Structures are given as structure tokens and as C-alpha cells.
Amino acid sequence: MVKPAMTYLDVVSDLRAELDVPVAAYHVSGEYAMIKAAAAQGWIDGPAVALEQLTAIRRAGADMILTYFAREIAEVLP
């Protein structure tokens, strides 16, 4: 498991390239809190930024993402 996920996208990508095992990434509480705080101030579109970050983690190569956004994202994904 790679923690924190967003600041170590390069590590996620390197692990994916080098290993043939499931790669997990932990989108830590600080990453969650930053999005929530900025959205509360009206500075960003919180749900869009959350989805963009989780998409970036997945694109980096994570097979699994542990995130505080799990419930919110599950409600909007098909």
C-alpha cells in the first residue's frame, strides 16, 4: 500500500511497472480534508476535484484505493 496516494503517484506507477501484485493506495485524511475545506470556501468544485484525484491514482496504476470519499464517489459512479 502506498500512503499518501496523491504525493506518491510516481511510486504507484513504479510499483505497477515493476511488480505483478495488486497495488493499493491510501488517499489519506489530509488529502480528503484539503478538498472539503476548499470546497466549503467555494474555491473548488469538491466532487469534481475528488473524482479527479481518485482518477489520477487509478491511472497511476493503483488496483485499489482506500479513501474517505468512498461513500460519496460510490453514489455518483455508474
N, C-alpha and C. Protein backbone atom coordinates (compact mmCIF):
# COMPACT_ATOMS: atom_id res chain seq x y z
N MET A 1 0.86 -1.18 0.00
CA MET A 1 0.00 0.00 0.00
C MET A 1 0.89 1.23 0.00
N VAL A 2 0.53 2.16 -0.85
CA VAL A 2 1.25 3.43 -0.95
C VAL A 2 0.45 4.48 -0.20
N LYS A 3 1.14 5.20 0.68
CA LYS A 3 0.49 6.21 1.52
C LYS A 3 1.45 7.37 1.71
N PRO A 4 1.05 8.59 1.46
CA PRO A 4 -0.21 9.10 0.91
C PRO A 4 -0.23 8.97 -0.61
N ALA A 5 -1.40 8.74 -1.12
CA ALA A 5 -1.54 8.40 -2.54
C ALA A 5 -1.17 9.54 -3.48
N MET A 6 -1.70 10.72 -3.26
CA MET A 6 -1.51 11.80 -4.23
C MET A 6 -0.07 12.25 -4.37
N THR A 7 0.65 12.32 -3.28
CA THR A 7 2.04 12.80 -3.36
C THR A 7 3.00 11.72 -3.81
N TYR A 8 2.52 10.48 -3.91
CA TYR A 8 3.37 9.38 -4.34
C TYR A 8 2.83 8.68 -5.58
N LEU A 9 2.23 9.43 -6.48
CA LEU A 9 1.74 8.83 -7.72
C LEU A 9 2.88 8.21 -8.51
N ASP A 10 4.07 8.79 -8.43
CA ASP A 10 5.22 8.21 -9.11
C ASP A 10 5.59 6.86 -8.53
N VAL A 11 5.45 6.69 -7.23
CA VAL A 11 5.73 5.42 -6.59
C VAL A 11 4.69 4.38 -7.01
N VAL A 12 3.43 4.77 -7.04
CA VAL A 12 2.37 3.87 -7.51
C VAL A 12 2.69 3.40 -8.92
N SER A 13 3.06 4.32 -9.78
CA SER A 13 3.38 3.99 -11.17
C SER A 13 4.59 3.06 -11.26
N ASP A 14 5.63 3.34 -10.49
CA ASP A 14 6.83 2.50 -10.49
C ASP A 14 6.52 1.09 -10.00
N LEU A 15 5.72 1.00 -8.93
CA LEU A 15 5.35 -0.32 -8.42
C LEU A 15 4.56 -1.11 -9.46
N ARG A 16 3.62 -0.44 -10.11
CA ARG A 16 2.82 -1.10 -11.14
C ARG A 16 3.72 -1.63 -12.25
N ALA A 17 4.73 -0.85 -12.64
CA ALA A 17 5.61 -1.25 -13.73
C ALA A 17 6.54 -2.39 -13.33
N GLU A 18 6.92 -2.45 -12.07
CA GLU A 18 7.92 -3.42 -11.62
C GLU A 18 7.35 -4.70 -11.03
N LEU A 19 6.15 -4.66 -10.49
CA LEU A 19 5.62 -5.80 -9.76
C LEU A 19 4.34 -6.35 -10.38
N ASP A 20 4.15 -7.63 -10.22
CA ASP A 20 2.93 -8.28 -10.69
C ASP A 20 2.08 -8.70 -9.49
N VAL A 21 1.80 -7.73 -8.64
CA VAL A 21 0.95 -7.94 -7.46
C VAL A 21 -0.04 -6.78 -7.40
N PRO A 22 -1.14 -6.95 -6.70
CA PRO A 22 -2.08 -5.82 -6.55
C PRO A 22 -1.42 -4.64 -5.85
N VAL A 23 -1.66 -3.46 -6.36
CA VAL A 23 -1.13 -2.23 -5.77
C VAL A 23 -2.29 -1.44 -5.17
N ALA A 24 -2.16 -1.11 -3.89
CA ALA A 24 -3.19 -0.34 -3.19
C ALA A 24 -2.63 1.05 -2.87
N ALA A 25 -3.51 2.03 -2.83
CA ALA A 25 -3.12 3.40 -2.49
C ALA A 25 -4.10 3.95 -1.47
N TYR A 26 -3.57 4.65 -0.49
CA TYR A 26 -4.39 5.22 0.58
C TYR A 26 -4.48 6.72 0.39
N HIS A 27 -5.66 7.19 0.01
CA HIS A 27 -5.96 8.62 -0.14
C HIS A 27 -6.23 9.13 1.28
N VAL A 28 -5.22 9.66 1.90
CA VAL A 28 -5.23 9.92 3.34
C VAL A 28 -6.19 11.05 3.75
N SER A 29 -6.44 11.13 5.05
CA SER A 29 -7.40 12.10 5.58
C SER A 29 -7.01 13.54 5.27
N GLY A 30 -5.73 13.84 5.20
CA GLY A 30 -5.31 15.20 4.88
C GLY A 30 -5.69 15.60 3.47
N GLU A 31 -5.59 14.66 2.54
CA GLU A 31 -5.99 14.91 1.16
C GLU A 31 -7.50 15.14 1.09
N TYR A 32 -8.24 14.35 1.83
CA TYR A 32 -9.69 14.49 1.92
C TYR A 32 -10.06 15.84 2.54
N ALA A 33 -9.40 16.18 3.65
CA ALA A 33 -9.71 17.42 4.37
C ALA A 33 -9.41 18.66 3.53
N MET A 34 -8.32 18.62 2.74
CA MET A 34 -7.99 19.77 1.90
C MET A 34 -9.10 20.04 0.89
N ILE A 35 -9.62 18.98 0.29
CA ILE A 35 -10.69 19.13 -0.70
C ILE A 35 -11.95 19.65 -0.03
N LYS A 36 -12.31 19.07 1.10
CA LYS A 36 -13.52 19.50 1.81
C LYS A 36 -13.42 20.96 2.25
N ALA A 37 -12.27 21.37 2.77
CA ALA A 37 -12.10 22.75 3.23
C ALA A 37 -12.16 23.74 2.07
N ALA A 38 -11.49 23.43 0.98
CA ALA A 38 -11.51 24.33 -0.18
C ALA A 38 -12.91 24.41 -0.78
N ALA A 39 -13.61 23.28 -0.82
CA ALA A 39 -14.98 23.29 -1.34
C ALA A 39 -15.91 24.10 -0.44
N ALA A 40 -15.71 24.00 0.87
CA ALA A 40 -16.55 24.76 1.81
C ALA A 40 -16.36 26.27 1.63
N GLN A 41 -15.17 26.68 1.21
CA GLN A 41 -14.89 28.09 0.96
C GLN A 41 -15.37 28.53 -0.43
N GLY A 42 -15.80 27.59 -1.24
CA GLY A 42 -16.25 27.92 -2.59
C GLY A 42 -15.11 28.06 -3.58
N TRP A 43 -13.91 27.64 -3.21
CA TRP A 43 -12.75 27.80 -4.08
C TRP A 43 -12.67 26.75 -5.17
N ILE A 44 -13.26 25.58 -4.94
CA ILE A 44 -13.21 24.49 -5.90
C ILE A 44 -14.56 23.77 -5.96
N ASP A 45 -14.73 22.98 -6.98
CA ASP A 45 -15.88 22.07 -7.08
C ASP A 45 -15.43 20.77 -6.41
N GLY A 46 -15.78 20.59 -5.16
CA GLY A 46 -15.30 19.48 -4.36
C GLY A 46 -15.49 18.10 -4.98
N PRO A 47 -16.71 17.75 -5.40
CA PRO A 47 -16.90 16.42 -6.00
C PRO A 47 -16.06 16.21 -7.27
N ALA A 48 -15.92 17.24 -8.08
CA ALA A 48 -15.14 17.12 -9.31
C ALA A 48 -13.66 16.92 -8.99
N VAL A 49 -13.15 17.65 -8.00
CA VAL A 49 -11.74 17.52 -7.61
C VAL A 49 -11.49 16.15 -6.99
N ALA A 50 -12.41 15.69 -6.16
CA ALA A 50 -12.27 14.36 -5.54
C ALA A 50 -12.21 13.28 -6.62
N LEU A 51 -13.12 13.35 -7.57
CA LEU A 51 -13.13 12.36 -8.65
C LEU A 51 -11.85 12.45 -9.48
N GLU A 52 -11.38 13.66 -9.73
CA GLU A 52 -10.14 13.84 -10.50
C GLU A 52 -8.95 13.23 -9.76
N GLN A 53 -8.86 13.45 -8.45
CA GLN A 53 -7.75 12.87 -7.69
C GLN A 53 -7.81 11.35 -7.69
N LEU A 54 -8.98 10.80 -7.48
CA LEU A 54 -9.10 9.34 -7.45
C LEU A 54 -8.82 8.75 -8.83
N THR A 55 -9.23 9.45 -9.87
CA THR A 55 -8.92 9.00 -11.23
C THR A 55 -7.42 9.02 -11.47
N ALA A 56 -6.74 10.04 -10.98
CA ALA A 56 -5.28 10.13 -11.14
C ALA A 56 -4.58 8.96 -10.44
N ILE A 57 -5.06 8.61 -9.27
CA ILE A 57 -4.48 7.49 -8.53
C ILE A 57 -4.67 6.19 -9.32
N ARG A 58 -5.85 6.01 -9.85
CA ARG A 58 -6.14 4.81 -10.64
C ARG A 58 -5.29 4.77 -11.89
N ARG A 59 -5.17 5.91 -12.57
CA ARG A 59 -4.38 5.98 -13.79
C ARG A 59 -2.90 5.75 -13.52
N ALA A 60 -2.44 6.09 -12.33
CA ALA A 60 -1.05 5.85 -11.95
C ALA A 60 -0.77 4.35 -11.81
N GLY A 61 -1.84 3.56 -11.59
CA GLY A 61 -1.66 2.13 -11.54
C GLY A 61 -2.22 1.42 -10.33
N ALA A 62 -2.90 2.14 -9.45
CA ALA A 62 -3.46 1.50 -8.26
C ALA A 62 -4.62 0.60 -8.64
N ASP A 63 -4.60 -0.61 -8.11
CA ASP A 63 -5.71 -1.53 -8.31
C ASP A 63 -6.83 -1.26 -7.31
N MET A 64 -6.43 -0.79 -6.13
CA MET A 64 -7.37 -0.50 -5.05
C MET A 64 -7.05 0.87 -4.47
N ILE A 65 -8.09 1.61 -4.10
CA ILE A 65 -7.89 2.91 -3.46
C ILE A 65 -8.71 2.93 -2.18
N LEU A 66 -8.04 3.17 -1.09
CA LEU A 66 -8.70 3.35 0.20
C LEU A 66 -8.88 4.86 0.38
N THR A 67 -10.13 5.33 0.51
CA THR A 67 -10.39 6.76 0.56
C THR A 67 -11.57 7.08 1.46
N TYR A 68 -11.52 8.26 2.04
CA TYR A 68 -12.64 8.75 2.84
C TYR A 68 -13.80 9.19 1.94
N PHE A 69 -13.56 9.29 0.65
CA PHE A 69 -14.60 9.66 -0.32
C PHE A 69 -15.38 8.45 -0.82
N ALA A 70 -15.13 7.26 -0.31
CA ALA A 70 -15.71 6.04 -0.86
C ALA A 70 -17.23 6.12 -1.00
N ARG A 71 -17.90 6.51 0.05
CA ARG A 71 -19.37 6.55 0.00
C ARG A 71 -19.86 7.59 -1.00
N GLU A 72 -19.26 8.77 -0.98
CA GLU A 72 -19.71 9.85 -1.89
C GLU A 72 -19.47 9.48 -3.35
N ILE A 73 -18.31 8.91 -3.64
CA ILE A 73 -17.98 8.54 -5.01
C ILE A 73 -18.83 7.37 -5.48
N ALA A 74 -19.08 6.42 -4.60
CA ALA A 74 -19.91 5.27 -4.96
C ALA A 74 -21.31 5.70 -5.38
N GLU A 75 -21.80 6.79 -4.82
CA GLU A 75 -23.13 7.27 -5.16
C GLU A 75 -23.20 7.91 -6.55
N VAL A 76 -22.08 8.38 -7.06
CA VAL A 76 -22.10 9.06 -8.36
C VAL A 76 -21.56 8.22 -9.49
N LEU A 77 -20.84 7.15 -9.20
CA LEU A 77 -20.32 6.29 -10.26
C LEU A 77 -21.41 5.35 -10.76
N PRO A 78 -21.35 5.02 -12.06
CA PRO A 78 -22.37 4.12 -12.61
C PRO A 78 -22.21 2.69 -12.08
